[in-house]
Amino acid sequence: MFKKLFCSIALLAGVVSASAQMQLTPVASGTAKGLDQNVSEVIENRLRSIIAANGFTSGTNSRFVLAARFNVLDKQVIPGPPTKIVTVLEVTLAVGDGFSNTCFESRSFEVKGAGNSEQRAILSALKSLKTKNPAISELVATAQQRITDYYEKNGASLIAQAKTLITSQEYAKAIDQLSGIPIECSHYKAAVAAMNEAYQKEIDSRAASILMEAQAAWAADQTDASGDKVVALLSQVDPNSSSYPKAQALIKQVAARIQKLHDEALAYDRKMEQMKLQTAADLEKARVKAARDIAVAYAQNQPKVVYKVRNYWW
């Protein structure tokens, strides 16, 4: 979801090329039995390479697709050791509208591969499919023109639908729909304006939600630990959102409160240390006094001393 939003930001900044914003979703299928997910992944990766090599981006669940289907034309087992299997495949590539099930154009290619199992031979053959050659370039060029035609015909309706989505606060869905309209289309500027509106409302909505959560958390607990969590939460507020100034103000409020708590804690620690020192001094004085009291009591309980004072003292 957010990846698509970031792509839309790049589009608004004018850094995505005209062809790069067009998306084709890779779709793979085959007729051979006993093949695992690895084969489908190899085909899809090869399709992604073809898409990228011809100026498109690989989409996910996008309307337009680059589909591949392969059939095993021939298989030979070459005795070993080790035994080797050589496979010849017919790979058909087609571009079209996956939602309306409309094929724009297709091309077929023969590829050959070898391996110590049928699956490895098929994988080897699929990997040998060239990502860019004149036939594939023509195929993708057809897709580009047909996609442009589609958006030229349906652009106004798609923008109207996107605005309804914006009103319903389905901002990400609106951005996803608008981002497919290519720059060659006459509706492109209107699409960018609507996408800009949707994006701003998306970040404003998310930022407002974060700010509300942070305010509630801080109101409930204004401790040091809570302050760290609140600041971490507020750091997620987009600087371009309308809530950013309030988020920064709350961060300053939290920082001031935490600093005050730290200062109060430091002052308390110092006071306690002084009290400890004073208590120690008081205890020492009490000990000395107690010892003296003992001495006085002892002296008072002794027989009276008769002093020998001579007359010559005087």
C-alpha atoms as a PDB file:
ATOM      1  CA  MET A   1       0.000   0.000   0.000  1.00  0.00           C
ATOM      2  CA  PHE A   2       2.642   2.516   1.058  1.00  0.00           C
ATOM      3  CA  LYS A   3       4.913   1.477  -1.805  1.00  0.00           C
ATOM      4  CA  LYS A   4       2.193   2.608  -4.193  1.00  0.00           C
ATOM      5  CA  LEU A   5       1.860   5.882  -2.321  1.00  0.00           C
ATOM      6  CA  PHE A   6       5.588   6.496  -2.652  1.00  0.00           C
ATOM      7  CA  CYS A   7       5.379   5.734  -6.379  1.00  0.00           C
ATOM      8  CA  SER A   8       2.632   8.326  -6.628  1.00  0.00           C
ATOM      9  CA  ILE A   9       4.821  10.878  -4.849  1.00  0.00           C
ATOM     10  CA  ALA A  10       7.543  10.273  -7.394  1.00  0.00           C
ATOM     11  CA  LEU A  11       5.004  10.713 -10.163  1.00  0.00           C
ATOM     12  CA  LEU A  12       3.893  14.039  -8.726  1.00  0.00           C
ATOM     13  CA  ALA A  13       7.512  15.166  -8.562  1.00  0.00           C
ATOM     14  CA  GLY A  14       7.886  14.426 -12.262  1.00  0.00           C
ATOM     15  CA  VAL A  15      10.696  11.915 -11.874  1.00  0.00           C
ATOM     16  CA  VAL A  16       8.939   8.869 -13.344  1.00  0.00           C
ATOM     17  CA  SER A  17       9.276   8.517 -17.088  1.00  0.00           C
ATOM     18  CA  ALA A  18       6.214   8.315 -19.307  1.00  0.00           C
ATOM     19  CA  SER A  19       6.621   4.611 -20.047  1.00  0.00           C
ATOM     20  CA  ALA A  20       7.799   3.623 -16.564  1.00  0.00           C
ATOM     21  CA  GLN A  21       4.477   4.502 -14.983  1.00  0.00           C
ATOM     22  CA  MET A  22       2.638   1.979 -17.127  1.00  0.00           C
ATOM     23  CA  GLN A  23       2.249  -1.305 -15.286  1.00  0.00           C
ATOM     24  CA  LEU A  24       2.018  -4.851 -16.524  1.00  0.00           C
ATOM     25  CA  THR A  25       1.383  -7.701 -14.099  1.00  0.00           C
ATOM     26  CA  PRO A  26       3.262 -10.923 -14.953  1.00  0.00           C
ATOM     27  CA  VAL A  27       1.022 -13.995 -15.221  1.00  0.00           C
ATOM     28  CA  ALA A  28       2.432 -17.495 -15.812  1.00  0.00           C
ATOM     29  CA  SER A  29       0.928 -20.882 -16.686  1.00  0.00           C
ATOM     30  CA  GLY A  30       2.060 -24.180 -18.174  1.00  0.00           C
ATOM     31  CA  THR A  31       0.726 -27.522 -19.353  1.00  0.00           C
ATOM     32  CA  ALA A  32       3.471 -29.814 -18.039  1.00  0.00           C
ATOM     33  CA  LYS A  33       2.526 -31.967 -15.045  1.00  0.00           C
ATOM     34  CA  GLY A  34       4.432 -32.433 -11.794  1.00  0.00           C
ATOM     35  CA  LEU A  35       5.971 -28.970 -11.768  1.00  0.00           C
ATOM     36  CA  ASP A  36       6.404 -27.102  -8.491  1.00  0.00           C
ATOM     37  CA  GLN A  37       6.058 -23.428  -7.604  1.00  0.00           C
ATOM     38  CA  ASN A  38       9.683 -22.856  -8.582  1.00  0.00           C
ATOM     39  CA  VAL A  39       8.790 -23.091 -12.287  1.00  0.00           C
ATOM     40  CA  SER A  40       6.064 -20.456 -12.014  1.00  0.00           C
ATOM     41  CA  GLU A  41       8.454 -18.188 -10.130  1.00  0.00           C
ATOM     42  CA  VAL A  42      11.100 -18.570 -12.848  1.00  0.00           C
ATOM     43  CA  ILE A  43       8.549 -17.673 -15.537  1.00  0.00           C
ATOM     44  CA  GLU A  44       7.296 -14.652 -13.574  1.00  0.00           C
ATOM     45  CA  ASN A  45      10.850 -13.442 -12.937  1.00  0.00           C
ATOM     46  CA  ARG A  46      11.590 -13.754 -16.656  1.00  0.00           C
ATOM     47  CA  LEU A  47       8.429 -11.780 -17.417  1.00  0.00           C
ATOM     48  CA  ARG A  48       9.459  -9.087 -14.945  1.00  0.00           C
ATOM     49  CA  SER A  49      12.802  -8.826 -16.725  1.00  0.00           C
ATOM     50  CA  ILE A  50      11.009  -8.474 -20.062  1.00  0.00           C
ATOM     51  CA  ILE A  51       8.685  -5.817 -18.605  1.00  0.00           C
ATOM     52  CA  ALA A  52      11.591  -3.819 -17.179  1.00  0.00           C
ATOM     53  CA  ALA A  53      13.707  -4.171 -20.322  1.00  0.00           C
ATOM     54  CA  ASN A  54      10.896  -2.664 -22.381  1.00  0.00           C
ATOM     55  CA  GLY A  55      10.217   0.383 -20.227  1.00  0.00           C
ATOM     56  CA  PHE A  56       7.322  -0.769 -18.041  1.00  0.00           C
ATOM     57  CA  THR A  57       7.061  -1.538 -14.339  1.00  0.00           C
ATOM     58  CA  SER A  58       5.868  -4.831 -12.874  1.00  0.00           C
ATOM     59  CA  GLY A  59       2.487  -4.394 -11.237  1.00  0.00           C
ATOM     60  CA  THR A  60       0.533  -6.440  -8.733  1.00  0.00           C
ATOM     61  CA  ASN A  61      -3.123  -7.082  -9.519  1.00  0.00           C
ATOM     62  CA  SER A  62      -3.019  -4.303 -12.127  1.00  0.00           C
ATOM     63  CA  ARG A  63      -5.516  -4.274 -14.990  1.00  0.00           C
ATOM     64  CA  PHE A  64      -3.049  -5.017 -17.789  1.00  0.00           C
ATOM     65  CA  VAL A  65      -0.966  -8.179 -17.934  1.00  0.00           C
ATOM     66  CA  LEU A  66       1.932  -9.789 -19.706  1.00  0.00           C
ATOM     67  CA  ALA A  67       1.032 -13.469 -19.705  1.00  0.00           C
ATOM     68  CA  ALA A  68       3.199 -16.460 -20.562  1.00  0.00           C
ATOM     69  CA  ARG A  69       2.151 -20.002 -21.355  1.00  0.00           C
ATOM     70  CA  PHE A  70       4.428 -22.830 -22.337  1.00  0.00           C
ATOM     71  CA  ASN A  71       3.895 -26.244 -23.951  1.00  0.00           C
ATOM     72  CA  VAL A  72       6.410 -29.057 -24.191  1.00  0.00           C
ATOM     73  CA  LEU A  73       7.020 -29.670 -27.901  1.00  0.00           C
ATOM     74  CA  ASP A  74       9.705 -32.295 -27.603  1.00  0.00           C
ATOM     75  CA  LYS A  75      11.630 -34.208 -24.948  1.00  0.00           C
ATOM     76  CA  GLN A  76      14.674 -36.393 -25.431  1.00  0.00           C
ATOM     77  CA  VAL A  77      16.448 -38.536 -22.872  1.00  0.00           C
ATOM     78  CA  ILE A  78      20.179 -38.808 -23.471  1.00  0.00           C
ATOM     79  CA  PRO A  79      21.698 -41.853 -21.708  1.00  0.00           C
ATOM     80  CA  GLY A  80      24.432 -41.204 -19.164  1.00  0.00           C
ATOM     81  CA  PRO A  81      25.903 -41.385 -16.854  1.00  0.00           C
ATOM     82  CA  PRO A  82      24.625 -38.955 -15.962  1.00  0.00           C
ATOM     83  CA  THR A  83      21.316 -39.138 -17.793  1.00  0.00           C
ATOM     84  CA  LYS A  84      20.382 -35.858 -19.416  1.00  0.00           C
ATOM     85  CA  ILE A  85      16.989 -34.628 -20.583  1.00  0.00           C
ATOM     86  CA  VAL A  86      16.695 -32.125 -23.414  1.00  0.00           C
ATOM     87  CA  THR A  87      13.386 -30.276 -23.707  1.00  0.00           C
ATOM     88  CA  VAL A  88      12.003 -28.010 -26.411  1.00  0.00           C
ATOM     89  CA  LEU A  89       9.274 -25.612 -25.290  1.00  0.00           C
ATOM     90  CA  GLU A  90       6.882 -23.353 -27.115  1.00  0.00           C
ATOM     91  CA  VAL A  91       6.496 -20.206 -25.008  1.00  0.00           C
ATOM     92  CA  THR A  92       3.653 -17.883 -25.916  1.00  0.00           C
ATOM     93  CA  LEU A  93       3.685 -14.317 -24.620  1.00  0.00           C
ATOM     94  CA  ALA A  94       0.512 -12.245 -24.709  1.00  0.00           C
ATOM     95  CA  VAL A  95      -0.429  -8.758 -23.527  1.00  0.00           C
ATOM     96  CA  GLY A  96      -3.953  -7.771 -22.700  1.00  0.00           C
ATOM     97  CA  ASP A  97      -6.611  -6.466 -20.358  1.00  0.00           C
ATOM     98  CA  GLY A  98      -6.866  -9.026 -17.575  1.00  0.00           C
ATOM     99  CA  PHE A  99     -10.107  -7.556 -16.213  1.00  0.00           C
ATOM    100  CA  SER A 100     -12.090  -7.665 -19.443  1.00  0.00           C
ATOM    101  CA  ASN A 101     -10.246 -10.784 -20.709  1.00  0.00           C
ATOM    102  CA  THR A 102      -9.167  -8.945 -23.866  1.00  0.00           C
ATOM    103  CA  CYS A 103      -5.947 -10.030 -25.580  1.00  0.00           C
ATOM    104  CA  PHE A 104      -4.169  -7.229 -27.421  1.00  0.00           C
ATOM    105  CA  GLU A 105      -1.543  -9.340 -29.184  1.00  0.00           C
ATOM    106  CA  SER A 106       0.579 -12.466 -28.736  1.00  0.00           C
ATOM    107  CA  ARG A 107       3.880 -13.952 -29.916  1.00  0.00           C
ATOM    108  CA  SER A 108       5.277 -17.488 -29.724  1.00  0.00           C
ATOM    109  CA  PHE A 109       8.907 -18.536 -29.287  1.00  0.00           C
ATOM    110  CA  GLU A 110      10.724 -21.860 -29.208  1.00  0.00           C
ATOM    111  CA  VAL A 111      13.320 -22.332 -26.463  1.00  0.00           C
ATOM    112  CA  LYS A 112      15.511 -25.292 -25.604  1.00  0.00           C
ATOM    113  CA  GLY A 113      16.997 -26.441 -22.316  1.00  0.00           C
ATOM    114  CA  ALA A 114      18.759 -29.400 -20.736  1.00  0.00           C
ATOM    115  CA  GLY A 115      19.037 -30.849 -17.248  1.00  0.00           C
ATOM    116  CA  ASN A 116      19.257 -34.048 -15.215  1.00  0.00           C
ATOM    117  CA  SER A 117      15.449 -34.014 -14.746  1.00  0.00           C
ATOM    118  CA  GLU A 118      12.475 -32.849 -16.809  1.00  0.00           C
ATOM    119  CA  GLN A 119      11.846 -29.970 -14.427  1.00  0.00           C
ATOM    120  CA  ARG A 120      15.438 -28.773 -14.605  1.00  0.00           C
ATOM    121  CA  ALA A 121      15.339 -29.007 -18.384  1.00  0.00           C
ATOM    122  CA  ILE A 122      12.164 -26.898 -18.459  1.00  0.00           C
ATOM    123  CA  LEU A 123      13.714 -24.337 -16.098  1.00  0.00           C
ATOM    124  CA  SER A 124      16.803 -24.167 -18.296  1.00  0.00           C
ATOM    125  CA  ALA A 125      14.662 -23.608 -21.377  1.00  0.00           C
ATOM    126  CA  LEU A 126      12.598 -20.891 -19.731  1.00  0.00           C
ATOM    127  CA  LYS A 127      15.700 -19.082 -18.528  1.00  0.00           C
ATOM    128  CA  SER A 128      17.019 -19.008 -22.091  1.00  0.00           C
ATOM    129  CA  LEU A 129      14.097 -16.844 -23.224  1.00  0.00           C
ATOM    130  CA  LYS A 130      15.589 -13.497 -24.225  1.00  0.00           C
ATOM    131  CA  THR A 131      14.229 -10.515 -22.339  1.00  0.00           C
ATOM    132  CA  LYS A 132      14.449  -8.156 -25.292  1.00  0.00           C
ATOM    133  CA  ASN A 133      14.229  -8.857 -28.972  1.00  0.00           C
ATOM    134  CA  PRO A 134      12.358  -7.148 -31.830  1.00  0.00           C
ATOM    135  CA  ALA A 135       9.304  -9.412 -31.571  1.00  0.00           C
ATOM    136  CA  ILE A 136       8.924  -8.837 -27.836  1.00  0.00           C
ATOM    137  CA  SER A 137       9.511  -5.100 -28.247  1.00  0.00           C
ATOM    138  CA  GLU A 138       6.718  -4.953 -30.848  1.00  0.00           C
ATOM    139  CA  LEU A 139       4.456  -6.912 -28.528  1.00  0.00           C
ATOM    140  CA  VAL A 140       5.030  -4.530 -25.629  1.00  0.00           C
ATOM    141  CA  ALA A 141       4.737  -1.480 -27.889  1.00  0.00           C
ATOM    142  CA  THR A 142       1.280  -2.721 -28.853  1.00  0.00           C
ATOM    143  CA  ALA A 143       0.419  -2.961 -25.177  1.00  0.00           C
ATOM    144  CA  GLN A 144       1.608   0.589 -24.592  1.00  0.00           C
ATOM    145  CA  GLN A 145      -0.630   1.975 -27.335  1.00  0.00           C
ATOM    146  CA  ARG A 146      -3.654  -0.049 -26.268  1.00  0.00           C
ATOM    147  CA  ILE A 147      -3.202   0.981 -22.615  1.00  0.00           C
ATOM    148  CA  THR A 148      -2.983   4.622 -23.653  1.00  0.00           C
ATOM    149  CA  ASP A 149      -6.141   4.208 -25.745  1.00  0.00           C
ATOM    150  CA  TYR A 150      -7.946   2.664 -22.786  1.00  0.00           C
ATOM    151  CA  TYR A 151      -7.112   5.542 -20.468  1.00  0.00           C
ATOM    152  CA  GLU A 152      -7.900   8.107 -23.148  1.00  0.00           C
ATOM    153  CA  LYS A 153     -11.368   6.620 -23.466  1.00  0.00           C
ATOM    154  CA  ASN A 154     -12.003   5.955 -19.761  1.00  0.00           C
ATOM    155  CA  GLY A 155      -9.822   8.569 -18.039  1.00  0.00           C
ATOM    156  CA  ALA A 156     -12.617  11.000 -17.169  1.00  0.00           C
ATOM    157  CA  SER A 157     -14.716   8.217 -15.690  1.00  0.00           C
ATOM    158  CA  LEU A 158     -11.788   6.844 -13.691  1.00  0.00           C
ATOM    159  CA  ILE A 159     -11.018  10.287 -12.263  1.00  0.00           C
ATOM    160  CA  ALA A 160     -14.678  10.731 -11.293  1.00  0.00           C
ATOM    161  CA  GLN A 161     -14.617   7.340  -9.567  1.00  0.00           C
ATOM    162  CA  ALA A 162     -11.407   8.286  -7.776  1.00  0.00           C
ATOM    163  CA  LYS A 163     -12.974  11.491  -6.471  1.00  0.00           C
ATOM    164  CA  THR A 164     -15.857   9.442  -5.095  1.00  0.00           C
ATOM    165  CA  LEU A 165     -13.286   7.240  -3.363  1.00  0.00           C
ATOM    166  CA  ILE A 166     -11.645  10.352  -1.914  1.00  0.00           C
ATOM    167  CA  THR A 167     -14.995  11.508  -0.556  1.00  0.00           C
ATOM    168  CA  SER A 168     -15.386   8.052   1.016  1.00  0.00           C
ATOM    169  CA  GLN A 169     -11.892   8.442   2.537  1.00  0.00           C
ATOM    170  CA  GLU A 170     -10.537   5.536   0.481  1.00  0.00           C
ATOM    171  CA  TYR A 171      -7.455   7.555  -0.373  1.00  0.00           C
ATOM    172  CA  ALA A 172      -5.007   4.733  -1.134  1.00  0.00           C
ATOM    173  CA  LYS A 173      -7.476   3.075  -3.510  1.00  0.00           C
ATOM    174  CA  ALA A 174      -8.020   6.396  -5.284  1.00  0.00           C
ATOM    175  CA  ILE A 175      -4.261   6.941  -5.653  1.00  0.00           C
ATOM    176  CA  ASP A 176      -3.825   3.417  -6.999  1.00  0.00           C
ATOM    177  CA  GLN A 177      -6.492   4.038  -9.642  1.00  0.00           C
ATOM    178  CA  LEU A 178      -5.185   7.446 -10.668  1.00  0.00           C
ATOM    179  CA  SER A 179      -1.524   6.442 -10.808  1.00  0.00           C
ATOM    180  CA  GLY A 180      -2.122   4.201 -13.831  1.00  0.00           C
ATOM    181  CA  ILE A 181      -3.162   7.063 -16.143  1.00  0.00           C
ATOM    182  CA  PRO A 182      -0.109   7.637 -18.378  1.00  0.00           C
ATOM    183  CA  ILE A 183       1.425  10.971 -19.257  1.00  0.00           C
ATOM    184  CA  GLU A 184       0.509  10.494 -22.929  1.00  0.00           C
ATOM    185  CA  CYS A 185      -3.157  10.621 -21.978  1.00  0.00           C
ATOM    186  CA  SER A 186      -4.996  13.949 -22.161  1.00  0.00           C
ATOM    187  CA  HIS A 187      -6.455  13.247 -18.689  1.00  0.00           C
ATOM    188  CA  TYR A 188      -3.003  13.044 -17.104  1.00  0.00           C
ATOM    189  CA  LYS A 189      -2.954  16.529 -15.520  1.00  0.00           C
ATOM    190  CA  ALA A 190      -6.418  16.091 -14.034  1.00  0.00           C
ATOM    191  CA  ALA A 191      -5.344  12.705 -12.677  1.00  0.00           C
ATOM    192  CA  VAL A 192      -2.245  14.200 -11.041  1.00  0.00           C
ATOM    193  CA  ALA A 193      -4.325  16.966  -9.449  1.00  0.00           C
ATOM    194  CA  ALA A 194      -6.794  14.435  -8.030  1.00  0.00           C
ATOM    195  CA  MET A 195      -3.942  12.196  -6.898  1.00  0.00           C
ATOM    196  CA  ASN A 196      -2.279  15.106  -5.146  1.00  0.00           C
ATOM    197  CA  GLU A 197      -5.548  15.821  -3.330  1.00  0.00           C
ATOM    198  CA  ALA A 198      -5.931  12.162  -2.326  1.00  0.00           C
ATOM    199  CA  TYR A 199      -2.352  11.926  -1.127  1.00  0.00           C
ATOM    200  CA  GLN A 200      -2.636  15.077   0.996  1.00  0.00           C
ATOM    201  CA  LYS A 201      -5.831  13.843   2.598  1.00  0.00           C
ATOM    202  CA  GLU A 202      -4.269  10.425   3.189  1.00  0.00           C
ATOM    203  CA  ILE A 203      -1.287  11.828   5.090  1.00  0.00           C
ATOM    204  CA  ASP A 204      -3.518  14.337   6.924  1.00  0.00           C
ATOM    205  CA  SER A 205      -5.857  11.553   8.022  1.00  0.00           C
ATOM    206  CA  ARG A 206      -3.037   9.292   9.181  1.00  0.00           C
ATOM    207  CA  ALA A 207      -1.245  12.136  10.948  1.00  0.00           C
ATOM    208  CA  ALA A 208      -4.426  13.219  12.752  1.00  0.00           C
ATOM    209  CA  SER A 209      -4.932   9.651  13.964  1.00  0.00           C
ATOM    210  CA  ILE A 210      -1.364   9.426  15.239  1.00  0.00           C
ATOM    211  CA  LEU A 211      -1.620  12.803  16.959  1.00  0.00           C
ATOM    212  CA  MET A 212      -4.867  11.808  18.690  1.00  0.00           C
ATOM    213  CA  GLU A 213      -3.300   8.569  19.912  1.00  0.00           C
ATOM    214  CA  ALA A 214      -0.231  10.418  21.189  1.00  0.00           C
ATOM    215  CA  GLN A 215      -2.327  13.057  22.975  1.00  0.00           C
ATOM    216  CA  ALA A 216      -4.399  10.363  24.707  1.00  0.00           C
ATOM    217  CA  ALA A 217      -1.289   8.450  25.762  1.00  0.00           C
ATOM    218  CA  TRP A 218       0.369  11.572  27.169  1.00  0.00           C
ATOM    219  CA  ALA A 219      -2.758  12.687  29.005  1.00  0.00           C
ATOM    220  CA  ALA A 220      -2.997   9.275  30.669  1.00  0.00           C
ATOM    221  CA  ASP A 221       0.634   9.001  31.727  1.00  0.00           C
ATOM    222  CA  GLN A 222       3.192  11.814  31.802  1.00  0.00           C
ATOM    223  CA  THR A 223       6.135   9.757  33.006  1.00  0.00           C
ATOM    224  CA  ASP A 224       9.593   9.489  31.523  1.00  0.00           C
ATOM    225  CA  ALA A 225       8.860   6.093  29.938  1.00  0.00           C
ATOM    226  CA  SER A 226       5.565   7.298  28.493  1.00  0.00           C
ATOM    227  CA  GLY A 227       7.277  10.375  27.065  1.00  0.00           C
ATOM    228  CA  ASP A 228       9.685   8.237  25.052  1.00  0.00           C
ATOM    229  CA  LYS A 229       6.796   6.258  23.574  1.00  0.00           C
ATOM    230  CA  VAL A 230       4.817   9.401  22.749  1.00  0.00           C
ATOM    231  CA  VAL A 231       7.776  11.040  20.988  1.00  0.00           C
ATOM    232  CA  ALA A 232       8.419   7.846  18.999  1.00  0.00           C
ATOM    233  CA  LEU A 233       4.771   7.870  17.947  1.00  0.00           C
ATOM    234  CA  LEU A 234       4.821  11.532  16.946  1.00  0.00           C
ATOM    235  CA  SER A 235       7.958  11.013  14.853  1.00  0.00           C
ATOM    236  CA  GLN A 236       5.730   9.118  12.390  1.00  0.00           C
ATOM    237  CA  VAL A 237       3.731  12.254  11.559  1.00  0.00           C
ATOM    238  CA  ASP A 238       4.481  13.346   7.988  1.00  0.00           C
ATOM    239  CA  PRO A 239       6.075  16.832   7.863  1.00  0.00           C
ATOM    240  CA  ASN A 240       3.741  17.699   4.969  1.00  0.00           C
ATOM    241  CA  SER A 241       0.610  16.914   6.951  1.00  0.00           C
ATOM    242  CA  SER A 242      -1.621  19.551   8.538  1.00  0.00           C
ATOM    243  CA  SER A 243      -1.065  17.959  11.973  1.00  0.00           C
ATOM    244  CA  TYR A 244       2.707  18.360  11.865  1.00  0.00           C
ATOM    245  CA  PRO A 245       2.850  21.723  13.748  1.00  0.00           C
ATOM    246  CA  LYS A 246       0.666  20.320  16.555  1.00  0.00           C
ATOM    247  CA  ALA A 247       2.807  17.199  16.678  1.00  0.00           C
ATOM    248  CA  GLN A 248       5.958  19.303  17.041  1.00  0.00           C
ATOM    249  CA  ALA A 249       4.305  21.404  19.751  1.00  0.00           C
ATOM    250  CA  LEU A 250       3.411  18.262  21.693  1.00  0.00           C
ATOM    251  CA  ILE A 251       6.968  16.956  21.325  1.00  0.00           C
ATOM    252  CA  LYS A 252       8.242  20.193  22.883  1.00  0.00           C
ATOM    253  CA  GLN A 253       5.668  19.901  25.663  1.00  0.00           C
ATOM    254  CA  VAL A 254       6.735  16.332  26.376  1.00  0.00           C
ATOM    255  CA  ALA A 255      10.415  17.311  26.293  1.00  0.00           C
ATOM    256  CA  ALA A 256       9.810  20.165  28.751  1.00  0.00           C
ATOM    257  CA  ARG A 257       7.879  17.889  31.092  1.00  0.00           C
ATOM    258  CA  ILE A 258      10.543  15.182  30.971  1.00  0.00           C
ATOM    259  CA  GLN A 259      13.250  17.773  31.604  1.00  0.00           C
ATOM    260  CA  LYS A 260      11.293  19.041  34.586  1.00  0.00           C
ATOM    261  CA  LEU A 261      10.949  15.505  35.896  1.00  0.00           C
ATOM    262  CA  HIS A 262      14.679  14.992  35.462  1.00  0.00           C
ATOM    263  CA  ASP A 263      15.456  18.276  37.235  1.00  0.00           C
ATOM    264  CA  GLU A 264      13.086  17.412  40.068  1.00  0.00           C
ATOM    265  CA  ALA A 265      14.602  13.955  40.355  1.00  0.00           C
ATOM    266  CA  LEU A 266      18.097  15.429  40.459  1.00  0.00           C
ATOM    267  CA  ALA A 267      17.069  17.986  43.099  1.00  0.00           C
ATOM    268  CA  TYR A 268      15.414  15.235  45.134  1.00  0.00           C
ATOM    269  CA  ASP A 269      18.534  13.078  44.920  1.00  0.00           C
ATOM    270  CA  ARG A 270      20.667  15.968  46.104  1.00  0.00           C
ATOM    271  CA  LYS A 271      18.263  16.712  48.961  1.00  0.00           C
ATOM    272  CA  MET A 272      18.274  13.071  50.018  1.00  0.00           C
ATOM    273  CA  GLU A 273      22.053  13.035  49.966  1.00  0.00           C
ATOM    274  CA  GLN A 274      22.171  16.117  52.161  1.00  0.00           C
ATOM    275  CA  MET A 275      19.627  14.558  54.490  1.00  0.00           C
ATOM    276  CA  LYS A 276      21.748  11.439  54.687  1.00  0.00           C
ATOM    277  CA  LEU A 277      24.809  13.514  55.555  1.00  0.00           C
ATOM    278  CA  GLN A 278      22.878  15.530  58.118  1.00  0.00           C
ATOM    279  CA  THR A 279      21.430  12.362  59.600  1.00  0.00           C
ATOM    280  CA  ALA A 280      24.891  10.855  59.867  1.00  0.00           C
ATOM    281  CA  ALA A 281      26.178  13.995  61.625  1.00  0.00           C
ATOM    282  CA  ASP A 282      23.185  14.027  63.973  1.00  0.00           C
ATOM    283  CA  LEU A 283      23.746  10.374  64.785  1.00  0.00           C
ATOM    284  CA  GLU A 284      27.381  11.051  65.585  1.00  0.00           C
ATOM    285  CA  LYS A 285      26.423  13.920  67.860  1.00  0.00           C
ATOM    286  CA  ALA A 286      23.831  11.722  69.552  1.00  0.00           C
ATOM    287  CA  ARG A 287      26.416   9.002  70.097  1.00  0.00           C
ATOM    288  CA  VAL A 288      28.874  11.457  71.647  1.00  0.00           C
ATOM    289  CA  LYS A 289      26.158  12.918  73.894  1.00  0.00           C
ATOM    290  CA  ALA A 290      25.029   9.457  74.935  1.00  0.00           C
ATOM    291  CA  ALA A 291      28.582   8.485  75.763  1.00  0.00           C
ATOM    292  CA  ARG A 292      29.018  11.638  77.787  1.00  0.00           C
ATOM    293  CA  ASP A 293      25.768  11.020  79.621  1.00  0.00           C
ATOM    294  CA  ILE A 294      27.031   7.600  80.542  1.00  0.00           C
ATOM    295  CA  ALA A 295      30.242   9.084  81.827  1.00  0.00           C
ATOM    296  CA  VAL A 296      28.378  11.713  83.876  1.00  0.00           C
ATOM    297  CA  ALA A 297      26.078   9.118  85.356  1.00  0.00           C
ATOM    298  CA  TYR A 298      28.994   6.922  86.233  1.00  0.00           C
ATOM    299  CA  ALA A 299      30.820   9.774  87.881  1.00  0.00           C
ATOM    300  CA  GLN A 300      27.793  10.766  89.884  1.00  0.00           C
ATOM    301  CA  ASN A 301      27.488   7.252  91.310  1.00  0.00           C
ATOM    302  CA  GLN A 302      31.083   7.120  92.515  1.00  0.00           C
ATOM    303  CA  PRO A 303      32.158   7.976  96.157  1.00  0.00           C
ATOM    304  CA  LYS A 304      33.049  11.575  96.674  1.00  0.00           C
ATOM    305  CA  VAL A 305      36.728  12.161  96.006  1.00  0.00           C
ATOM    306  CA  VAL A 306      38.712  13.888  98.663  1.00  0.00           C
ATOM    307  CA  TYR A 307      41.213  16.097  96.997  1.00  0.00           C
ATOM    308  CA  LYS A 308      44.541  16.835  98.572  1.00  0.00           C
ATOM    309  CA  VAL A 309      44.934  20.493  98.027  1.00  0.00           C
ATOM    310  CA  ARG A 310      47.919  22.020  99.790  1.00  0.00           C
ATOM    311  CA  ASN A 311      48.086  25.467 101.223  1.00  0.00           C
ATOM    312  CA  TYR A 312      50.957  26.339  99.025  1.00  0.00           C
ATOM    313  CA  TRP A 313      48.702  26.125  96.018  1.00  0.00           C
ATOM    314  CA  TRP A 314      47.434  29.436  97.064  1.00  0.00           C
END
